[in-house]
Amino acid sequence: MLFTPELRRTLESAFLPLACECTLMPGGALMVKIFDPQTGTVAMQVENVAIANVTTVRGVAELVAELRYDLRTCVTPFGSTPAFFAASRGA
């Protein structure tokens, strides 16, 4: 799939209220950075996200679901849940 403005908007709006930036990398892969827009604290950054096989709306939804799962289960370098998610879980 081509990295279209529509795909970019879909991905970048899927993680609100966090901000998301998608950058097309050489070779056609994406770098996805999800961060707190107020503090700039990066919650997750993933490089080399393959989008060549994302050819349908369902494929886009599956990609978003996978990134959301990774974001929920990611661990900070210090071994704790990112503050945004700890607060939303009542931790």
PDB file of N, CA and C in Angstrom:
ATOM      1  N   MET A   1       0.847  -1.183   0.000  1.00  0.00           N
ATOM      2  CA  MET A   1       0.000   0.000   0.000  1.00  0.00           C
ATOM      3  C   MET A   1       0.885   1.236   0.000  1.00  0.00           C
ATOM      4  N   LEU A   2       0.454   2.223  -0.714  1.00  0.00           N
ATOM      5  CA  LEU A   2       1.159   3.486  -0.672  1.00  0.00           C
ATOM      6  C   LEU A   2       0.853   4.199   0.627  1.00  0.00           C
ATOM      7  N   PHE A   3       1.820   4.931   1.118  1.00  0.00           N
ATOM      8  CA  PHE A   3       1.609   5.708   2.337  1.00  0.00           C
ATOM      9  C   PHE A   3       0.897   6.991   1.943  1.00  0.00           C
ATOM     10  N   THR A   4      -0.412   6.953   1.982  1.00  0.00           N
ATOM     11  CA  THR A   4      -1.237   8.066   1.536  1.00  0.00           C
ATOM     12  C   THR A   4      -1.551   9.006   2.697  1.00  0.00           C
ATOM     13  N   PRO A   5      -1.979  10.216   2.386  1.00  0.00           N
ATOM     14  CA  PRO A   5      -2.397  11.125   3.462  1.00  0.00           C
ATOM     15  C   PRO A   5      -3.535  10.539   4.304  1.00  0.00           C
ATOM     16  N   GLU A   6      -4.419   9.766   3.679  1.00  0.00           N
ATOM     17  CA  GLU A   6      -5.527   9.157   4.423  1.00  0.00           C
ATOM     18  C   GLU A   6      -5.013   8.123   5.420  1.00  0.00           C
ATOM     19  N   LEU A   7      -4.056   7.303   4.983  1.00  0.00           N
ATOM     20  CA  LEU A   7      -3.480   6.310   5.888  1.00  0.00           C
ATOM     21  C   LEU A   7      -2.765   7.006   7.029  1.00  0.00           C
ATOM     22  N   ARG A   8      -2.025   8.057   6.724  1.00  0.00           N
ATOM     23  CA  ARG A   8      -1.324   8.808   7.772  1.00  0.00           C
ATOM     24  C   ARG A   8      -2.313   9.377   8.780  1.00  0.00           C
ATOM     25  N   ARG A   9      -3.382  10.013   8.312  1.00  0.00           N
ATOM     26  CA  ARG A   9      -4.384  10.582   9.223  1.00  0.00           C
ATOM     27  C   ARG A   9      -5.032   9.503  10.081  1.00  0.00           C
ATOM     28  N   THR A  10      -5.330   8.362   9.473  1.00  0.00           N
ATOM     29  CA  THR A  10      -5.952   7.266  10.224  1.00  0.00           C
ATOM     30  C   THR A  10      -5.040   6.791  11.342  1.00  0.00           C
ATOM     31  N   LEU A  11      -3.782   6.547  11.010  1.00  0.00           N
ATOM     32  CA  LEU A  11      -2.839   6.080  12.024  1.00  0.00           C
ATOM     33  C   LEU A  11      -2.609   7.137  13.091  1.00  0.00           C
ATOM     34  N   GLU A  12      -2.422   8.378  12.673  1.00  0.00           N
ATOM     35  CA  GLU A  12      -2.082   9.420  13.635  1.00  0.00           C
ATOM     36  C   GLU A  12      -3.248   9.797  14.535  1.00  0.00           C
ATOM     37  N   SER A  13      -4.484   9.548  14.110  1.00  0.00           N
ATOM     38  CA  SER A  13      -5.632   9.854  14.960  1.00  0.00           C
ATOM     39  C   SER A  13      -6.068   8.663  15.806  1.00  0.00           C
ATOM     40  N   ALA A  14      -5.510   7.504  15.568  1.00  0.00           N
ATOM     41  CA  ALA A  14      -5.927   6.283  16.261  1.00  0.00           C
ATOM     42  C   ALA A  14      -5.474   6.217  17.711  1.00  0.00           C
ATOM     43  N   PHE A  15      -4.576   7.091  18.121  1.00  0.00           N
ATOM     44  CA  PHE A  15      -3.996   6.990  19.461  1.00  0.00           C
ATOM     45  C   PHE A  15      -4.334   8.180  20.348  1.00  0.00           C
ATOM     46  N   LEU A  16      -5.301   8.992  19.915  1.00  0.00           N
ATOM     47  CA  LEU A  16      -5.711  10.139  20.725  1.00  0.00           C
ATOM     48  C   LEU A  16      -6.147   9.689  22.105  1.00  0.00           C
ATOM     49  N   PRO A  17      -5.838  10.374  23.184  1.00  0.00           N
ATOM     50  CA  PRO A  17      -5.333  11.735  23.253  1.00  0.00           C
ATOM     51  C   PRO A  17      -3.813  11.848  23.104  1.00  0.00           C
ATOM     52  N   LEU A  18      -3.119  10.737  22.934  1.00  0.00           N
ATOM     53  CA  LEU A  18      -1.693  10.823  22.662  1.00  0.00           C
ATOM     54  C   LEU A  18      -1.491  11.295  21.225  1.00  0.00           C
ATOM     55  N   ALA A  19      -0.337  11.846  20.963  1.00  0.00           N
ATOM     56  CA  ALA A  19       0.001  12.257  19.604  1.00  0.00           C
ATOM     57  C   ALA A  19       0.756  11.126  18.928  1.00  0.00           C
ATOM     58  N   CYS A  20       0.644  11.058  17.626  1.00  0.00           N
ATOM     59  CA  CYS A  20       1.320  10.019  16.855  1.00  0.00           C
ATOM     60  C   CYS A  20       1.900  10.665  15.609  1.00  0.00           C
ATOM     61  N   GLU A  21       3.167  10.345  15.334  1.00  0.00           N
ATOM     62  CA  GLU A  21       3.806  10.800  14.108  1.00  0.00           C
ATOM     63  C   GLU A  21       4.246   9.576  13.327  1.00  0.00           C
ATOM     64  N   CYS A  22       3.919   9.551  12.054  1.00  0.00           N
ATOM     65  CA  CYS A  22       4.335   8.468  11.171  1.00  0.00           C
ATOM     66  C   CYS A  22       5.270   9.047  10.119  1.00  0.00           C
ATOM     67  N   THR A  23       6.403   8.398   9.943  1.00  0.00           N
ATOM     68  CA  THR A  23       7.399   8.848   8.980  1.00  0.00           C
ATOM     69  C   THR A  23       7.720   7.706   8.042  1.00  0.00           C
ATOM     70  N   LEU A  24       7.656   7.965   6.745  1.00  0.00           N
ATOM     71  CA  LEU A  24       8.001   6.955   5.760  1.00  0.00           C
ATOM     72  C   LEU A  24       9.521   6.833   5.699  1.00  0.00           C
ATOM     73  N   MET A  25      10.009   5.617   5.898  1.00  0.00           N
ATOM     74  CA  MET A  25      11.442   5.351   5.926  1.00  0.00           C
ATOM     75  C   MET A  25      11.881   4.846   4.550  1.00  0.00           C
ATOM     76  N   PRO A  26      13.189   4.895   4.279  1.00  0.00           N
ATOM     77  CA  PRO A  26      13.692   4.313   3.030  1.00  0.00           C
ATOM     78  C   PRO A  26      13.286   2.835   2.955  1.00  0.00           C
ATOM     79  N   GLY A  27      12.864   2.398   1.809  1.00  0.00           N
ATOM     80  CA  GLY A  27      12.438   1.017   1.644  1.00  0.00           C
ATOM     81  C   GLY A  27      10.946   0.830   1.825  1.00  0.00           C
ATOM     82  N   GLY A  28      10.225   1.893   2.180  1.00  0.00           N
ATOM     83  CA  GLY A  28       8.778   1.800   2.271  1.00  0.00           C
ATOM     84  C   GLY A  28       8.212   1.426   3.619  1.00  0.00           C
ATOM     85  N   ALA A  29       9.041   1.275   4.635  1.00  0.00           N
ATOM     86  CA  ALA A  29       8.545   0.972   5.979  1.00  0.00           C
ATOM     87  C   ALA A  29       8.240   2.283   6.705  1.00  0.00           C
ATOM     88  N   LEU A  30       7.521   2.177   7.810  1.00  0.00           N
ATOM     89  CA  LEU A  30       7.185   3.341   8.609  1.00  0.00           C
ATOM     90  C   LEU A  30       7.931   3.348   9.923  1.00  0.00           C
ATOM     91  N   MET A  31       8.153   4.556  10.438  1.00  0.00           N
ATOM     92  CA  MET A  31       8.541   4.732  11.825  1.00  0.00           C
ATOM     93  C   MET A  31       7.329   5.380  12.487  1.00  0.00           C
ATOM     94  N   VAL A  32       6.861   4.786  13.575  1.00  0.00           N
ATOM     95  CA  VAL A  32       5.706   5.296  14.295  1.00  0.00           C
ATOM     96  C   VAL A  32       6.171   5.714  15.679  1.00  0.00           C
ATOM     97  N   LYS A  33       5.925   6.985  16.009  1.00  0.00           N
ATOM     98  CA  LYS A  33       6.279   7.511  17.329  1.00  0.00           C
ATOM     99  C   LYS A  33       5.008   7.989  17.988  1.00  0.00           C
ATOM    100  N   ILE A  34       4.730   7.462  19.187  1.00  0.00           N
ATOM    101  CA  ILE A  34       3.543   7.835  19.949  1.00  0.00           C
ATOM    102  C   ILE A  34       4.034   8.524  21.212  1.00  0.00           C
ATOM    103  N   PHE A  35       3.492   9.721  21.472  1.00  0.00           N
ATOM    104  CA  PHE A  35       4.017  10.516  22.576  1.00  0.00           C
ATOM    105  C   PHE A  35       2.934  11.390  23.188  1.00  0.00           C
ATOM    106  N   ASP A  36       3.226  11.900  24.393  1.00  0.00           N
ATOM    107  CA  ASP A  36       2.341  12.828  25.076  1.00  0.00           C
ATOM    108  C   ASP A  36       2.531  14.199  24.438  1.00  0.00           C
ATOM    109  N   PRO A  37       1.482  14.789  23.861  1.00  0.00           N
ATOM    110  CA  PRO A  37       1.662  16.058  23.156  1.00  0.00           C
ATOM    111  C   PRO A  37       1.992  17.228  24.080  1.00  0.00           C
ATOM    112  N   GLN A  38       1.657  17.128  25.353  1.00  0.00           N
ATOM    113  CA  GLN A  38       1.923  18.227  26.280  1.00  0.00           C
ATOM    114  C   GLN A  38       3.360  18.216  26.782  1.00  0.00           C
ATOM    115  N   THR A  39       3.885  17.027  27.064  1.00  0.00           N
ATOM    116  CA  THR A  39       5.230  16.955  27.630  1.00  0.00           C
ATOM    117  C   THR A  39       6.278  16.532  26.608  1.00  0.00           C
ATOM    118  N   GLY A  40       5.831  15.907  25.528  1.00  0.00           N
ATOM    119  CA  GLY A  40       6.764  15.397  24.534  1.00  0.00           C
ATOM    120  C   GLY A  40       7.359  14.050  24.912  1.00  0.00           C
ATOM    121  N   THR A  41       6.951  13.485  26.028  1.00  0.00           N
ATOM    122  CA  THR A  41       7.458  12.196  26.480  1.00  0.00           C
ATOM    123  C   THR A  41       7.024  11.099  25.515  1.00  0.00           C
ATOM    124  N   VAL A  42       7.990  10.365  25.000  1.00  0.00           N
ATOM    125  CA  VAL A  42       7.706   9.297  24.040  1.00  0.00           C
ATOM    126  C   VAL A  42       7.229   8.061  24.792  1.00  0.00           C
ATOM    127  N   ALA A  43       6.033   7.592  24.441  1.00  0.00           N
ATOM    128  CA  ALA A  43       5.485   6.385  25.052  1.00  0.00           C
ATOM    129  C   ALA A  43       5.965   5.147  24.310  1.00  0.00           C
ATOM    130  N   MET A  44       6.130   5.272  22.982  1.00  0.00           N
ATOM    131  CA  MET A  44       6.580   4.138  22.181  1.00  0.00           C
ATOM    132  C   MET A  44       7.066   4.651  20.838  1.00  0.00           C
ATOM    133  N   GLN A  45       8.147   4.060  20.356  1.00  0.00           N
ATOM    134  CA  GLN A  45       8.628   4.344  19.010  1.00  0.00           C
ATOM    135  C   GLN A  45       8.971   3.020  18.353  1.00  0.00           C
ATOM    136  N   VAL A  46       8.394   2.795  17.190  1.00  0.00           N
ATOM    137  CA  VAL A  46       8.607   1.549  16.466  1.00  0.00           C
ATOM    138  C   VAL A  46       9.125   1.901  15.075  1.00  0.00           C
ATOM    139  N   GLU A  47      10.211   1.267  14.687  1.00  0.00           N
ATOM    140  CA  GLU A  47      10.767   1.502  13.355  1.00  0.00           C
ATOM    141  C   GLU A  47      10.537   0.274  12.489  1.00  0.00           C
ATOM    142  N   ASN A  48      10.594   0.469  11.200  1.00  0.00           N
ATOM    143  CA  ASN A  48      10.454  -0.603  10.216  1.00  0.00           C
ATOM    144  C   ASN A  48       9.107  -1.316  10.278  1.00  0.00           C
ATOM    145  N   VAL A  49       8.040  -0.553  10.460  1.00  0.00           N
ATOM    146  CA  VAL A  49       6.696  -1.116  10.422  1.00  0.00           C
ATOM    147  C   VAL A  49       6.355  -1.348   8.953  1.00  0.00           C
ATOM    148  N   ALA A  50       6.186  -2.602   8.584  1.00  0.00           N
ATOM    149  CA  ALA A  50       5.903  -2.953   7.191  1.00  0.00           C
ATOM    150  C   ALA A  50       4.459  -2.597   6.842  1.00  0.00           C
ATOM    151  N   ILE A  51       4.282  -1.881   5.740  1.00  0.00           N
ATOM    152  CA  ILE A  51       2.923  -1.550   5.294  1.00  0.00           C
ATOM    153  C   ILE A  51       2.643  -2.061   3.883  1.00  0.00           C
ATOM    154  N   ALA A  52       3.577  -2.786   3.317  1.00  0.00           N
ATOM    155  CA  ALA A  52       3.399  -3.280   1.950  1.00  0.00           C
ATOM    156  C   ALA A  52       2.166  -4.165   1.812  1.00  0.00           C
ATOM    157  N   ASN A  53       1.840  -4.916   2.843  1.00  0.00           N
ATOM    158  CA  ASN A  53       0.699  -5.825   2.783  1.00  0.00           C
ATOM    159  C   ASN A  53      -0.571  -5.229   3.369  1.00  0.00           C
ATOM    160  N   VAL A  54      -0.520  -3.972   3.794  1.00  0.00           N
ATOM    161  CA  VAL A  54      -1.710  -3.311   4.325  1.00  0.00           C
ATOM    162  C   VAL A  54      -2.456  -2.728   3.125  1.00  0.00           C
ATOM    163  N   THR A  55      -3.367  -3.523   2.586  1.00  0.00           N
ATOM    164  CA  THR A  55      -4.032  -3.152   1.336  1.00  0.00           C
ATOM    165  C   THR A  55      -5.534  -2.943   1.473  1.00  0.00           C
ATOM    166  N   THR A  56      -6.074  -3.187   2.663  1.00  0.00           N
ATOM    167  CA  THR A  56      -7.511  -3.042   2.866  1.00  0.00           C
ATOM    168  C   THR A  56      -7.770  -2.262   4.146  1.00  0.00           C
ATOM    169  N   VAL A  57      -9.007  -1.843   4.320  1.00  0.00           N
ATOM    170  CA  VAL A  57      -9.397  -1.168   5.554  1.00  0.00           C
ATOM    171  C   VAL A  57      -9.168  -2.094   6.742  1.00  0.00           C
ATOM    172  N   ARG A  58      -9.470  -3.367   6.558  1.00  0.00           N
ATOM    173  CA  ARG A  58      -9.252  -4.343   7.631  1.00  0.00           C
ATOM    174  C   ARG A  58      -7.769  -4.438   7.974  1.00  0.00           C
ATOM    175  N   GLY A  59      -6.903  -4.394   6.973  1.00  0.00           N
ATOM    176  CA  GLY A  59      -5.472  -4.426   7.218  1.00  0.00           C
ATOM    177  C   GLY A  59      -5.002  -3.231   8.035  1.00  0.00           C
ATOM    178  N   VAL A  60      -5.563  -2.062   7.743  1.00  0.00           N
ATOM    179  CA  VAL A  60      -5.232  -0.858   8.517  1.00  0.00           C
ATOM    180  C   VAL A  60      -5.702  -1.032   9.955  1.00  0.00           C
ATOM    181  N   ALA A  61      -6.916  -1.550  10.132  1.00  0.00           N
ATOM    182  CA  ALA A  61      -7.446  -1.764  11.482  1.00  0.00           C
ATOM    183  C   ALA A  61      -6.585  -2.760  12.254  1.00  0.00           C
ATOM    184  N   GLU A  62      -6.125  -3.793  11.597  1.00  0.00           N
ATOM    185  CA  GLU A  62      -5.257  -4.776  12.260  1.00  0.00           C
ATOM    186  C   GLU A  62      -3.912  -4.161  12.649  1.00  0.00           C
ATOM    187  N   LEU A  63      -3.375  -3.304  11.792  1.00  0.00           N
ATOM    188  CA  LEU A  63      -2.130  -2.622  12.118  1.00  0.00           C
ATOM    189  C   LEU A  63      -2.309  -1.723  13.338  1.00  0.00           C
ATOM    190  N   VAL A  64      -3.394  -0.965  13.370  1.00  0.00           N
ATOM    191  CA  VAL A  64      -3.683  -0.102  14.518  1.00  0.00           C
ATOM    192  C   VAL A  64      -3.854  -0.938  15.778  1.00  0.00           C
ATOM    193  N   ALA A  65      -4.583  -2.044  15.686  1.00  0.00           N
ATOM    194  CA  ALA A  65      -4.789  -2.911  16.844  1.00  0.00           C
ATOM    195  C   ALA A  65      -3.463  -3.461  17.359  1.00  0.00           C
ATOM    196  N   GLU A  66      -2.584  -3.857  16.467  1.00  0.00           N
ATOM    197  CA  GLU A  66      -1.280  -4.384  16.875  1.00  0.00           C
ATOM    198  C   GLU A  66      -0.437  -3.300  17.563  1.00  0.00           C
ATOM    199  N   LEU A  67      -0.449  -2.101  17.004  1.00  0.00           N
ATOM    200  CA  LEU A  67       0.301  -1.011  17.627  1.00  0.00           C
ATOM    201  C   LEU A  67      -0.282  -0.637  18.981  1.00  0.00           C
ATOM    202  N   ARG A  68      -1.622  -0.634  19.103  1.00  0.00           N
ATOM    203  CA  ARG A  68      -2.255  -0.346  20.400  1.00  0.00           C
ATOM    204  C   ARG A  68      -1.885  -1.405  21.434  1.00  0.00           C
ATOM    205  N   TYR A  69      -1.881  -2.667  21.016  1.00  0.00           N
ATOM    206  CA  TYR A  69      -1.484  -3.739  21.926  1.00  0.00           C
ATOM    207  C   TYR A  69      -0.043  -3.536  22.390  1.00  0.00           C
ATOM    208  N   ASP A  70       0.841  -3.257  21.444  1.00  0.00           N
ATOM    209  CA  ASP A  70       2.240  -3.022  21.798  1.00  0.00           C
ATOM    210  C   ASP A  70       2.367  -1.841  22.752  1.00  0.00           C
ATOM    211  N   LEU A  71       1.583  -0.798  22.523  1.00  0.00           N
ATOM    212  CA  LEU A  71       1.630   0.381  23.382  1.00  0.00           C
ATOM    213  C   LEU A  71       1.151   0.055  24.789  1.00  0.00           C
ATOM    214  N   ARG A  72       0.073  -0.728  24.905  1.00  0.00           N
ATOM    215  CA  ARG A  72      -0.452  -1.100  26.228  1.00  0.00           C
ATOM    216  C   ARG A  72       0.498  -1.984  27.005  1.00  0.00           C
ATOM    217  N   THR A  73       1.250  -2.798  26.300  1.00  0.00           N
ATOM    218  CA  THR A  73       2.097  -3.777  26.978  1.00  0.00           C
ATOM    219  C   THR A  73       3.562  -3.375  27.014  1.00  0.00           C
ATOM    220  N   CYS A  74       3.883  -2.198  26.459  1.00  0.00           N
ATOM    221  CA  CYS A  74       5.289  -1.795  26.440  1.00  0.00           C
ATOM    222  C   CYS A  74       5.745  -1.433  27.841  1.00  0.00           C
ATOM    223  N   VAL A  75       7.026  -1.524  28.032  1.00  0.00           N
ATOM    224  CA  VAL A  75       7.635  -1.241  29.329  1.00  0.00           C
ATOM    225  C   VAL A  75       8.665  -0.142  29.126  1.00  0.00           C
ATOM    226  N   THR A  76       8.706   0.786  30.053  1.00  0.00           N
ATOM    227  CA  THR A  76       9.690   1.851  29.962  1.00  0.00           C
ATOM    228  C   THR A  76      11.071   1.280  30.242  1.00  0.00           C
ATOM    229  N   PRO A  77      12.128   2.016  29.922  1.00  0.00           N
ATOM    230  CA  PRO A  77      13.475   1.509  30.185  1.00  0.00           C
ATOM    231  C   PRO A  77      13.713   1.180  31.660  1.00  0.00           C
ATOM    232  N   PHE A  78      12.895   1.738  32.543  1.00  0.00           N
ATOM    233  CA  PHE A  78      13.084   1.491  33.973  1.00  0.00           C
ATOM    234  C   PHE A  78      12.164   0.389  34.498  1.00  0.00           C
ATOM    235  N   GLY A  79      11.466  -0.292  33.598  1.00  0.00           N
ATOM    236  CA  GLY A  79      10.661  -1.441  33.994  1.00  0.00           C
ATOM    237  C   GLY A  79       9.277  -1.115  34.509  1.00  0.00           C
ATOM    238  N   SER A  80       8.775   0.088  34.268  1.00  0.00           N
ATOM    239  CA  SER A  80       7.451   0.442  34.754  1.00  0.00           C
ATOM    240  C   SER A  80       6.525   0.727  33.576  1.00  0.00           C
ATOM    241  N   THR A  81       5.238   0.715  33.852  1.00  0.00           N
ATOM    242  CA  THR A  81       4.261   1.053  32.839  1.00  0.00           C
ATOM    243  C   THR A  81       4.350   2.542  32.562  1.00  0.00           C
ATOM    244  N   PRO A  82       4.245   2.973  31.319  1.00  0.00           N
ATOM    245  CA  PRO A  82       4.273   4.403  31.047  1.00  0.00           C
ATOM    246  C   PRO A  82       3.234   5.143  31.869  1.00  0.00           C
ATOM    247  N   ALA A  83       3.571   6.328  32.343  1.00  0.00           N
ATOM    248  CA  ALA A  83       2.727   7.087  33.279  1.00  0.00           C
ATOM    249  C   ALA A  83       1.315   7.305  32.740  1.00  0.00           C
ATOM    250  N   PHE A  84       1.163   7.571  31.460  1.00  0.00           N
ATOM    251  CA  PHE A  84      -0.154   7.812  30.887  1.00  0.00           C
ATOM    252  C   PHE A  84      -1.065   6.619  31.121  1.00  0.00           C
ATOM    253  N   PHE A  85      -0.543   5.409  30.949  1.00  0.00           N
ATOM    254  CA  PHE A  85      -1.358   4.204  31.093  1.00  0.00           C
ATOM    255  C   PHE A  85      -1.546   3.814  32.551  1.00  0.00           C
ATOM    256  N   ALA A  86      -0.557   4.073  33.372  1.00  0.00           N
ATOM    257  CA  ALA A  86      -0.699   3.780  34.798  1.00  0.00           C
ATOM    258  C   ALA A  86      -1.830   4.635  35.377  1.00  0.00           C
ATOM    259  N   ALA A  87      -1.904   5.900  34.982  1.00  0.00           N
ATOM    260  CA  ALA A  87      -2.947   6.791  35.481  1.00  0.00           C
ATOM    261  C   ALA A  87      -4.318   6.370  34.980  1.00  0.00           C
ATOM    262  N   SER A  88      -4.408   5.942  33.712  1.00  0.00           N
ATOM    263  CA  SER A  88      -5.703   5.561  33.166  1.00  0.00           C
ATOM    264  C   SER A  88      -6.206   4.225  33.710  1.00  0.00           C
ATOM    265  N   ARG A  89      -5.315   3.429  34.262  1.00  0.00           N
ATOM    266  CA  ARG A  89      -5.712   2.147  34.856  1.00  0.00           C
ATOM    267  C   ARG A  89      -6.001   2.277  36.338  1.00  0.00           C
ATOM    268  N   GLY A  90      -5.749   3.462  36.896  1.00  0.00           N
ATOM    269  CA  GLY A  90      -5.990   3.653  38.311  1.00  0.00           C
ATOM    270  C   GLY A  90      -4.873   3.136  39.175  1.00  0.00           C
ATOM    271  N   ALA A  91      -3.692   2.937  38.593  1.00  0.00           N
ATOM    272  CA  ALA A  91      -2.539   2.435  39.346  1.00  0.00           C
ATOM    273  C   ALA A  91      -1.913   3.516  40.176  1.00  0.00           C
TER     274      ALA A  91
END
